[in-house]
């Protein structure tokens, strides 16, 4: 997988677009840190590619939530405790929307 800076993308975009179908993915960096991924798509696979990225992102978020829950000890709440948390969050949301 090829890494290139935002500056490289901006200054050599024609080369990047030519190489992308062969490379398949390129990681864009800013100040040496990854900030985006360019991935090759075509008309036939763009919807499936987007769906796969969205699913991967959702799984990543779920994993982060589960890890944070285990860290806080909230992964072992009873159903009554979960319902109390939901009720409390809904009350807070109602108050802030007024």
PDB file of N, CA and C in Angstrom:
ATOM      1  N   UNK A   1       0.855  -1.167   0.000  1.00  0.00           N
ATOM      2  CA  UNK A   1       0.000   0.000   0.000  1.00  0.00           C
ATOM      3  C   UNK A   1       0.901   1.229   0.000  1.00  0.00           C
ATOM      4  N   UNK A   2       0.551   2.159  -0.819  1.00  0.00           N
ATOM      5  CA  UNK A   2       1.342   3.362  -0.985  1.00  0.00           C
ATOM      6  C   UNK A   2       0.856   4.464  -0.052  1.00  0.00           C
ATOM      7  N   UNK A   3       1.791   5.176   0.559  1.00  0.00           N
ATOM      8  CA  UNK A   3       1.498   6.327   1.406  1.00  0.00           C
ATOM      9  C   UNK A   3       1.939   7.584   0.660  1.00  0.00           C
ATOM     10  N   UNK A   4       1.105   8.611   0.685  1.00  0.00           N
ATOM     11  CA  UNK A   4       1.511   9.877   0.108  1.00  0.00           C
ATOM     12  C   UNK A   4       0.930  11.022   0.904  1.00  0.00           C
ATOM     13  N   UNK A   5       1.635  12.112   0.902  1.00  0.00           N
ATOM     14  CA  UNK A   5       1.211  13.264   1.694  1.00  0.00           C
ATOM     15  C   UNK A   5       0.136  14.049   0.960  1.00  0.00           C
ATOM     16  N   UNK A   6      -0.539  14.882   1.711  1.00  0.00           N
ATOM     17  CA  UNK A   6      -1.535  15.771   1.118  1.00  0.00           C
ATOM     18  C   UNK A   6      -0.866  16.628   0.048  1.00  0.00           C
ATOM     19  N   UNK A   7       0.344  17.065   0.318  1.00  0.00           N
ATOM     20  CA  UNK A   7       1.103  17.875  -0.643  1.00  0.00           C
ATOM     21  C   UNK A   7       1.341  17.091  -1.932  1.00  0.00           C
ATOM     22  N   UNK A   8       1.744  15.817  -1.807  1.00  0.00           N
ATOM     23  CA  UNK A   8       1.947  14.983  -2.998  1.00  0.00           C
ATOM     24  C   UNK A   8       0.647  14.825  -3.782  1.00  0.00           C
ATOM     25  N   UNK A   9      -0.442  14.616  -3.077  1.00  0.00           N
ATOM     26  CA  UNK A   9      -1.742  14.469  -3.736  1.00  0.00           C
ATOM     27  C   UNK A   9      -2.101  15.745  -4.500  1.00  0.00           C
ATOM     28  N   UNK A  10      -1.899  16.863  -3.852  1.00  0.00           N
ATOM     29  CA  UNK A  10      -2.231  18.144  -4.475  1.00  0.00           C
ATOM     30  C   UNK A  10      -1.332  18.430  -5.681  1.00  0.00           C
ATOM     31  N   UNK A  11      -0.034  18.165  -5.538  1.00  0.00           N
ATOM     32  CA  UNK A  11       0.918  18.509  -6.596  1.00  0.00           C
ATOM     33  C   UNK A  11       1.025  17.490  -7.712  1.00  0.00           C
ATOM     34  N   UNK A  12       0.628  16.246  -7.438  1.00  0.00           N
ATOM     35  CA  UNK A  12       0.784  15.186  -8.432  1.00  0.00           C
ATOM     36  C   UNK A  12      -0.506  14.399  -8.625  1.00  0.00           C
ATOM     37  N   UNK A  13      -1.631  15.094  -8.615  1.00  0.00           N
ATOM     38  CA  UNK A  13      -2.914  14.397  -8.649  1.00  0.00           C
ATOM     39  C   UNK A  13      -3.090  13.554  -9.916  1.00  0.00           C
ATOM     40  N   UNK A  14      -2.619  14.022 -11.057  1.00  0.00           N
ATOM     41  CA  UNK A  14      -2.776  13.244 -12.295  1.00  0.00           C
ATOM     42  C   UNK A  14      -2.051  11.905 -12.173  1.00  0.00           C
ATOM     43  N   UNK A  15      -0.857  11.904 -11.602  1.00  0.00           N
ATOM     44  CA  UNK A  15      -0.092  10.670 -11.410  1.00  0.00           C
ATOM     45  C   UNK A  15      -0.816   9.750 -10.420  1.00  0.00           C
ATOM     46  N   UNK A  16      -1.345  10.343  -9.345  1.00  0.00           N
ATOM     47  CA  UNK A  16      -2.061   9.554  -8.334  1.00  0.00           C
ATOM     48  C   UNK A  16      -3.251   8.854  -8.973  1.00  0.00           C
ATOM     49  N   UNK A  17      -4.046   9.556  -9.780  1.00  0.00           N
ATOM     50  CA  UNK A  17      -5.229   8.959 -10.405  1.00  0.00           C
ATOM     51  C   UNK A  17      -4.828   7.865 -11.390  1.00  0.00           C
ATOM     52  N   UNK A  18      -3.678   8.029 -12.065  1.00  0.00           N
ATOM     53  CA  UNK A  18      -3.203   6.979 -12.978  1.00  0.00           C
ATOM     54  C   UNK A  18      -2.773   5.734 -12.207  1.00  0.00           C
ATOM     55  N   UNK A  19      -2.132   5.925 -11.051  1.00  0.00           N
ATOM     56  CA  UNK A  19      -1.603   4.800 -10.278  1.00  0.00           C
ATOM     57  C   UNK A  19      -2.656   4.109  -9.404  1.00  0.00           C
ATOM     58  N   UNK A  20      -3.699   4.796  -9.056  1.00  0.00           N
ATOM     59  CA  UNK A  20      -4.688   4.257  -8.115  1.00  0.00           C
ATOM     60  C   UNK A  20      -5.297   2.922  -8.550  1.00  0.00           C
ATOM     61  N   UNK A  21      -5.681   2.738  -9.812  1.00  0.00           N
ATOM     62  CA  UNK A  21      -6.242   1.431 -10.191  1.00  0.00           C
ATOM     63  C   UNK A  21      -5.265   0.272  -9.958  1.00  0.00           C
ATOM     64  N   UNK A  22      -3.985   0.513 -10.123  1.00  0.00           N
ATOM     65  CA  UNK A  22      -2.981  -0.530  -9.901  1.00  0.00           C
ATOM     66  C   UNK A  22      -2.702  -0.721  -8.419  1.00  0.00           C
ATOM     67  N   UNK A  23      -2.574   0.379  -7.706  1.00  0.00           N
ATOM     68  CA  UNK A  23      -2.275   0.329  -6.267  1.00  0.00           C
ATOM     69  C   UNK A  23      -3.451  -0.196  -5.451  1.00  0.00           C
ATOM     70  N   UNK A  24      -4.669   0.028  -5.909  1.00  0.00           N
ATOM     71  CA  UNK A  24      -5.929  -0.335  -5.240  1.00  0.00           C
ATOM     72  C   UNK A  24      -6.273   0.596  -4.078  1.00  0.00           C
ATOM     73  N   UNK A  25      -5.342   0.827  -3.163  1.00  0.00           N
ATOM     74  CA  UNK A  25      -5.555   1.777  -2.065  1.00  0.00           C
ATOM     75  C   UNK A  25      -4.299   2.613  -1.869  1.00  0.00           C
ATOM     76  N   UNK A  26      -4.504   3.848  -1.447  1.00  0.00           N
ATOM     77  CA  UNK A  26      -3.404   4.741  -1.074  1.00  0.00           C
ATOM     78  C   UNK A  26      -3.805   5.446   0.222  1.00  0.00           C
ATOM     79  N   UNK A  27      -2.858   5.553   1.123  1.00  0.00           N
ATOM     80  CA  UNK A  27      -3.097   6.238   2.389  1.00  0.00           C
ATOM     81  C   UNK A  27      -2.576   7.664   2.250  1.00  0.00           C
ATOM     82  N   UNK A  28      -3.429   8.623   2.539  1.00  0.00           N
ATOM     83  CA  UNK A  28      -3.058  10.030   2.497  1.00  0.00           C
ATOM     84  C   UNK A  28      -2.630  10.442   3.898  1.00  0.00           C
ATOM     85  N   UNK A  29      -1.484  11.111   3.991  1.00  0.00           N
ATOM     86  CA  UNK A  29      -0.979  11.529   5.290  1.00  0.00           C
ATOM     87  C   UNK A  29      -0.889  13.048   5.363  1.00  0.00           C
ATOM     88  N   UNK A  30      -0.988  13.538   6.580  1.00  0.00           N
ATOM     89  CA  UNK A  30      -0.789  14.960   6.867  1.00  0.00           C
ATOM     90  C   UNK A  30       0.114  15.019   8.085  1.00  0.00           C
ATOM     91  N   UNK A  31       1.238  15.689   7.935  1.00  0.00           N
ATOM     92  CA  UNK A  31       2.239  15.734   8.998  1.00  0.00           C
ATOM     93  C   UNK A  31       2.653  14.330   9.437  1.00  0.00           C
ATOM     94  N   UNK A  32       2.739  13.415   8.471  1.00  0.00           N
ATOM     95  CA  UNK A  32       3.181  12.059   8.750  1.00  0.00           C
ATOM     96  C   UNK A  32       2.136  11.136   9.344  1.00  0.00           C
ATOM     97  N   UNK A  33       0.938  11.640   9.561  1.00  0.00           N
ATOM     98  CA  UNK A  33      -0.130  10.820  10.156  1.00  0.00           C
ATOM     99  C   UNK A  33      -1.199  10.517   9.117  1.00  0.00           C
ATOM    100  N   UNK A  34      -1.692   9.283   9.100  1.00  0.00           N
ATOM    101  CA  UNK A  34      -2.743   8.948   8.134  1.00  0.00           C
ATOM    102  C   UNK A  34      -4.027   9.723   8.417  1.00  0.00           C
ATOM    103  N   UNK A  35      -4.628  10.271   7.363  1.00  0.00           N
ATOM    104  CA  UNK A  35      -5.865  11.038   7.515  1.00  0.00           C
ATOM    105  C   UNK A  35      -6.973  10.549   6.587  1.00  0.00           C
ATOM    106  N   UNK A  36      -6.615   9.790   5.552  1.00  0.00           N
ATOM    107  CA  UNK A  36      -7.629   9.321   4.607  1.00  0.00           C
ATOM    108  C   UNK A  36      -7.071   8.138   3.825  1.00  0.00           C
ATOM    109  N   UNK A  37      -8.001   7.423   3.218  1.00  0.00           N
ATOM    110  CA  UNK A  37      -7.632   6.316   2.340  1.00  0.00           C
ATOM    111  C   UNK A  37      -8.333   6.545   1.011  1.00  0.00           C
ATOM    112  N   UNK A  38      -7.554   6.529  -0.062  1.00  0.00           N
ATOM    113  CA  UNK A  38      -8.130   6.555  -1.401  1.00  0.00           C
ATOM    114  C   UNK A  38      -8.239   5.112  -1.851  1.00  0.00           C
ATOM    115  N   UNK A  39      -9.353   4.759  -2.410  1.00  0.00           N
ATOM    116  CA  UNK A  39      -9.513   3.395  -2.893  1.00  0.00           C
ATOM    117  C   UNK A  39     -10.097   3.416  -4.298  1.00  0.00           C
ATOM    118  N   UNK A  40      -9.628   2.503  -5.118  1.00  0.00           N
ATOM    119  CA  UNK A  40     -10.079   2.437  -6.501  1.00  0.00           C
ATOM    120  C   UNK A  40     -11.477   1.819  -6.552  1.00  0.00           C
ATOM    121  N   UNK A  41     -12.359   2.460  -7.296  1.00  0.00           N
ATOM    122  CA  UNK A  41     -13.702   1.936  -7.531  1.00  0.00           C
ATOM    123  C   UNK A  41     -14.042   2.151  -9.001  1.00  0.00           C
ATOM    124  N   UNK A  42     -15.105   1.506  -9.433  1.00  0.00           N
ATOM    125  CA  UNK A  42     -15.631   1.772 -10.769  1.00  0.00           C
ATOM    126  C   UNK A  42     -17.147   1.768 -10.682  1.00  0.00           C
ATOM    127  N   UNK A  43     -17.797   2.045 -11.778  1.00  0.00           N
ATOM    128  CA  UNK A  43     -19.251   2.143 -11.760  1.00  0.00           C
ATOM    129  C   UNK A  43     -19.916   0.855 -11.290  1.00  0.00           C
ATOM    130  N   UNK A  44     -19.291  -0.270 -11.566  1.00  0.00           N
ATOM    131  CA  UNK A  44     -19.886  -1.557 -11.221  1.00  0.00           C
ATOM    132  C   UNK A  44     -19.792  -1.874  -9.735  1.00  0.00           C
ATOM    133  N   UNK A  45     -18.766  -1.328  -9.042  1.00  0.00           N
ATOM    134  CA  UNK A  45     -18.573  -1.724  -7.637  1.00  0.00           C
ATOM    135  C   UNK A  45     -18.638  -0.582  -6.638  1.00  0.00           C
ATOM    136  N   UNK A  46     -18.991   0.613  -7.059  1.00  0.00           N
ATOM    137  CA  UNK A  46     -18.954   1.756  -6.143  1.00  0.00           C
ATOM    138  C   UNK A  46     -19.925   1.572  -4.978  1.00  0.00           C
ATOM    139  N   UNK A  47     -21.130   1.098  -5.227  1.00  0.00           N
ATOM    140  CA  UNK A  47     -22.109   0.927  -4.145  1.00  0.00           C
ATOM    141  C   UNK A  47     -21.666  -0.156  -3.171  1.00  0.00           C
ATOM    142  N   UNK A  48     -21.157  -1.271  -3.696  1.00  0.00           N
ATOM    143  CA  UNK A  48     -20.676  -2.346  -2.828  1.00  0.00           C
ATOM    144  C   UNK A  48     -19.462  -1.885  -2.028  1.00  0.00           C
ATOM    145  N   UNK A  49     -18.587  -1.119  -2.646  1.00  0.00           N
ATOM    146  CA  UNK A  49     -17.411  -0.603  -1.944  1.00  0.00           C
ATOM    147  C   UNK A  49     -17.817   0.324  -0.805  1.00  0.00           C
ATOM    148  N   UNK A  50     -18.755   1.222  -1.063  1.00  0.00           N
ATOM    149  CA  UNK A  50     -19.243   2.127  -0.021  1.00  0.00           C
ATOM    150  C   UNK A  50     -19.901   1.349   1.117  1.00  0.00           C
ATOM    151  N   UNK A  51     -20.696   0.346   0.770  1.00  0.00           N
ATOM    152  CA  UNK A  51     -21.357  -0.465   1.797  1.00  0.00           C
ATOM    153  C   UNK A  51     -20.317  -1.188   2.656  1.00  0.00           C
ATOM    154  N   UNK A  52     -19.272  -1.700   2.032  1.00  0.00           N
ATOM    155  CA  UNK A  52     -18.221  -2.401   2.781  1.00  0.00           C
ATOM    156  C   UNK A  52     -17.483  -1.447   3.714  1.00  0.00           C
ATOM    157  N   UNK A  53     -17.177  -0.238   3.239  1.00  0.00           N
ATOM    158  CA  UNK A  53     -16.509   0.759   4.087  1.00  0.00           C
ATOM    159  C   UNK A  53     -17.403   1.140   5.263  1.00  0.00           C
ATOM    160  N   UNK A  54     -18.669   1.330   5.003  1.00  0.00           N
ATOM    161  CA  UNK A  54     -19.598   1.704   6.082  1.00  0.00           C
ATOM    162  C   UNK A  54     -19.724   0.591   7.112  1.00  0.00           C
ATOM    163  N   UNK A  55     -19.775  -0.648   6.641  1.00  0.00           N
ATOM    164  CA  UNK A  55     -19.862  -1.780   7.555  1.00  0.00           C
ATOM    165  C   UNK A  55     -18.593  -1.887   8.397  1.00  0.00           C
ATOM    166  N   UNK A  56     -17.449  -1.717   7.760  1.00  0.00           N
ATOM    167  CA  UNK A  56     -16.181  -1.781   8.497  1.00  0.00           C
ATOM    168  C   UNK A  56     -16.105  -0.669   9.541  1.00  0.00           C
ATOM    169  N   UNK A  57     -16.548   0.519   9.178  1.00  0.00           N
ATOM    170  CA  UNK A  57     -16.544   1.643  10.115  1.00  0.00           C
ATOM    171  C   UNK A  57     -17.487   1.376  11.290  1.00  0.00           C
ATOM    172  N   UNK A  58     -18.654   0.813  11.000  1.00  0.00           N
ATOM    173  CA  UNK A  58     -19.610   0.485  12.068  1.00  0.00           C
ATOM    174  C   UNK A  58     -19.033  -0.559  13.015  1.00  0.00           C
ATOM    175  N   UNK A  59     -18.393  -1.578  12.468  1.00  0.00           N
ATOM    176  CA  UNK A  59     -17.771  -2.604  13.315  1.00  0.00           C
ATOM    177  C   UNK A  59     -16.661  -2.011  14.180  1.00  0.00           C
ATOM    178  N   UNK A  60     -15.894  -1.097  13.610  1.00  0.00           N
ATOM    179  CA  UNK A  60     -14.835  -0.434  14.371  1.00  0.00           C
ATOM    180  C   UNK A  60     -15.434   0.361  15.534  1.00  0.00           C
ATOM    181  N   UNK A  61     -16.504   1.076  15.283  1.00  0.00           N
ATOM    182  CA  UNK A  61     -17.146   1.871  16.328  1.00  0.00           C
ATOM    183  C   UNK A  61     -17.727   0.963  17.415  1.00  0.00           C
ATOM    184  N   UNK A  62     -18.360  -0.135  17.008  1.00  0.00           N
ATOM    185  CA  UNK A  62     -18.914  -1.076  17.986  1.00  0.00           C
ATOM    186  C   UNK A  62     -17.800  -1.629  18.872  1.00  0.00           C
ATOM    187  N   UNK A  63     -16.682  -1.991  18.263  1.00  0.00           N
ATOM    188  CA  UNK A  63     -15.552  -2.509  19.035  1.00  0.00           C
ATOM    189  C   UNK A  63     -15.042  -1.465  20.023  1.00  0.00           C
ATOM    190  N   UNK A  64     -14.953  -0.218  19.594  1.00  0.00           N
ATOM    191  CA  UNK A  64     -14.512   0.855  20.485  1.00  0.00           C
ATOM    192  C   UNK A  64     -15.484   1.032  21.645  1.00  0.00           C
ATOM    193  N   UNK A  65     -16.780   0.975  21.364  1.00  0.00           N
ATOM    194  CA  UNK A  65     -17.797   1.107  22.415  1.00  0.00           C
ATOM    195  C   UNK A  65     -17.683  -0.047  23.401  1.00  0.00           C
ATOM    196  N   UNK A  66     -17.528  -1.257  22.890  1.00  0.00           N
ATOM    197  CA  UNK A  66     -17.406  -2.417  23.762  1.00  0.00           C
ATOM    198  C   UNK A  66     -16.156  -2.338  24.633  1.00  0.00           C
ATOM    199  N   UNK A  67     -15.044  -1.904  24.053  1.00  0.00           N
ATOM    200  CA  UNK A  67     -13.798  -1.767  24.803  1.00  0.00           C
ATOM    201  C   UNK A  67     -13.946  -0.729  25.904  1.00  0.00           C
ATOM    202  N   UNK A  68     -14.556   0.408  25.573  1.00  0.00           N
ATOM    203  CA  UNK A  68     -14.778   1.465  26.567  1.00  0.00           C
ATOM    204  C   UNK A  68     -15.722   0.997  27.664  1.00  0.00           C
ATOM    205  N   UNK A  69     -16.748   0.246  27.288  1.00  0.00           N
ATOM    206  CA  UNK A  69     -17.698  -0.281  28.263  1.00  0.00           C
ATOM    207  C   UNK A  69     -17.001  -1.241  29.229  1.00  0.00           C
ATOM    208  N   UNK A  70     -16.156  -2.096  28.702  1.00  0.00           N
ATOM    209  CA  UNK A  70     -15.422  -3.034  29.564  1.00  0.00           C
ATOM    210  C   UNK A  70     -14.469  -2.275  30.485  1.00  0.00           C
ATOM    211  N   UNK A  71     -13.832  -1.230  29.954  1.00  0.00           N
ATOM    212  CA  UNK A  71     -12.900  -0.427  30.755  1.00  0.00           C
ATOM    213  C   UNK A  71     -13.622   0.255  31.912  1.00  0.00           C
ATOM    214  N   UNK A  72     -14.833   0.758  31.647  1.00  0.00           N
ATOM    215  CA  UNK A  72     -15.614   1.462  32.675  1.00  0.00           C
ATOM    216  C   UNK A  72     -16.358   0.505  33.606  1.00  0.00           C
ATOM    217  N   UNK A  73     -16.414  -0.760  33.226  1.00  0.00           N
ATOM    218  CA  UNK A  73     -17.147  -1.717  34.035  1.00  0.00           C
ATOM    219  C   UNK A  73     -18.630  -1.746  33.743  1.00  0.00           C
ATOM    220  N   UNK A  74     -19.051  -1.043  32.706  1.00  0.00           N
ATOM    221  CA  UNK A  74     -20.478  -1.008  32.378  1.00  0.00           C
ATOM    222  C   UNK A  74     -20.895  -2.179  31.501  1.00  0.00           C
ATOM    223  N   UNK A  75     -19.956  -3.050  31.170  1.00  0.00           N
ATOM    224  CA  UNK A  75     -20.295  -4.204  30.332  1.00  0.00           C
ATOM    225  C   UNK A  75     -21.020  -5.290  31.124  1.00  0.00           C
ATOM    226  N   UNK A  76     -21.114  -5.098  32.428  1.00  0.00           N
ATOM    227  CA  UNK A  76     -21.759  -6.109  33.269  1.00  0.00           C
ATOM    228  C   UNK A  76     -23.022  -5.568  33.946  1.00  0.00           C
ATOM    229  N   UNK A  77     -23.642  -4.563  33.338  1.00  0.00           N
ATOM    230  CA  UNK A  77     -24.866  -4.003  33.901  1.00  0.00           C
ATOM    231  C   UNK A  77     -26.022  -4.989  33.739  1.00  0.00           C
ATOM    232  N   UNK A  78     -26.920  -4.973  34.714  1.00  0.00           N
ATOM    233  CA  UNK A  78     -28.143  -5.786  34.612  1.00  0.00           C
ATOM    234  C   UNK A  78     -29.112  -5.090  33.668  1.00  0.00           C
ATOM    235  N   UNK A  79     -30.144  -5.803  33.251  1.00  0.00           N
ATOM    236  CA  UNK A  79     -31.151  -5.210  32.374  1.00  0.00           C
ATOM    237  C   UNK A  79     -31.835  -4.023  33.047  1.00  0.00           C
ATOM    238  N   UNK A  80     -32.094  -4.115  34.342  1.00  0.00           N
ATOM    239  CA  UNK A  80     -32.702  -2.988  35.063  1.00  0.00           C
ATOM    240  C   UNK A  80     -31.783  -1.775  35.062  1.00  0.00           C
ATOM    241  N   UNK A  81     -30.489  -1.989  35.246  1.00  0.00           N
ATOM    242  CA  UNK A  81     -29.530  -0.878  35.225  1.00  0.00           C
ATOM    243  C   UNK A  81     -29.441  -0.255  33.835  1.00  0.00           C
ATOM    244  N   UNK A  82     -29.480  -1.087  32.802  1.00  0.00           N
ATOM    245  CA  UNK A  82     -29.454  -0.576  31.427  1.00  0.00           C
ATOM    246  C   UNK A  82     -30.689   0.273  31.163  1.00  0.00           C
ATOM    247  N   UNK A  83     -31.842  -0.225  31.559  1.00  0.00           N
ATOM    248  CA  UNK A  83     -33.085   0.536  31.355  1.00  0.00           C
ATOM    249  C   UNK A  83     -33.069   1.854  32.128  1.00  0.00           C
ATOM    250  N   UNK A  84     -32.492   1.866  33.318  1.00  0.00           N
ATOM    251  CA  UNK A  84     -32.382   3.097  34.107  1.00  0.00           C
ATOM    252  C   UNK A  84     -31.468   4.096  33.392  1.00  0.00           C
ATOM    253  N   UNK A  85     -30.373   3.621  32.812  1.00  0.00           N
ATOM    254  CA  UNK A  85     -29.456   4.495  32.051  1.00  0.00           C
ATOM    255  C   UNK A  85     -30.165   5.093  30.842  1.00  0.00           C
ATOM    256  N   UNK A  86     -30.911   4.276  30.133  1.00  0.00           N
ATOM    257  CA  UNK A  86     -31.646   4.754  28.961  1.00  0.00           C
ATOM    258  C   UNK A  86     -32.669   5.805  29.375  1.00  0.00           C
ATOM    259  N   UNK A  87     -33.392   5.537  30.432  1.00  0.00           N
ATOM    260  CA  UNK A  87     -34.393   6.480  30.930  1.00  0.00           C
ATOM    261  C   UNK A  87     -33.754   7.810  31.316  1.00  0.00           C
ATOM    262  N   UNK A  88     -32.628   7.739  32.003  1.00  0.00           N
ATOM    263  CA  UNK A  88     -31.917   8.944  32.421  1.00  0.00           C
ATOM    264  C   UNK A  88     -31.434   9.752  31.210  1.00  0.00           C
ATOM    265  N   UNK A  89     -30.900   9.066  30.223  1.00  0.00           N
ATOM    266  CA  UNK A  89     -30.418   9.756  29.018  1.00  0.00           C
ATOM    267  C   UNK A  89     -31.571  10.416  28.272  1.00  0.00           C
ATOM    268  N   UNK A  90     -32.708   9.744  28.210  1.00  0.00           N
ATOM    269  CA  UNK A  90     -33.871  10.325  27.534  1.00  0.00           C
ATOM    270  C   UNK A  90     -34.376  11.559  28.264  1.00  0.00           C
ATOM    271  N   UNK A  91     -34.404  11.515  29.592  1.00  0.00           N
ATOM    272  CA  UNK A  91     -34.839  12.683  30.365  1.00  0.00           C
ATOM    273  C   UNK A  91     -33.898  13.858  30.129  1.00  0.00           C
ATOM    274  N   UNK A  92     -32.603  13.593  30.132  1.00  0.00           N
ATOM    275  CA  UNK A  92     -31.616  14.647  29.904  1.00  0.00           C
ATOM    276  C   UNK A  92     -31.790  15.237  28.509  1.00  0.00           C
ATOM    277  N   UNK A  93     -32.018  14.387  27.510  1.00  0.00           N
ATOM    278  CA  UNK A  93     -32.196  14.842  26.140  1.00  0.00           C
ATOM    279  C   UNK A  93     -33.441  15.703  26.006  1.00  0.00           C
ATOM    280  N   UNK A  94     -34.531  15.287  26.669  1.00  0.00           N
ATOM    281  CA  UNK A  94     -35.774  16.064  26.625  1.00  0.00           C
ATOM    282  C   UNK A  94     -35.576  17.449  27.229  1.00  0.00           C
ATOM    283  N   UNK A  95     -34.878  17.513  28.363  1.00  0.00           N
ATOM    284  CA  UNK A  95     -34.647  18.802  29.032  1.00  0.00           C
ATOM    285  C   UNK A  95     -33.804  19.723  28.165  1.00  0.00           C
ATOM    286  N   UNK A  96     -32.788  19.186  27.486  1.00  0.00           N
ATOM    287  CA  UNK A  96     -31.907  20.036  26.695  1.00  0.00           C
ATOM    288  C   UNK A  96     -32.542  20.492  25.381  1.00  0.00           C
ATOM    289  N   UNK A  97     -33.593  19.800  24.926  1.00  0.00           N
ATOM    290  CA  UNK A  97     -34.237  20.189  23.660  1.00  0.00           C
ATOM    291  C   UNK A  97     -35.316  21.253  23.858  1.00  0.00           C
ATOM    292  N   UNK A  98     -35.612  21.574  25.093  1.00  0.00           N
ATOM    293  CA  UNK A  98     -36.661  22.566  25.359  1.00  0.00           C
ATOM    294  C   UNK A  98     -36.160  23.950  25.259  1.00  0.00           C
TER     295      UNK A  98
END
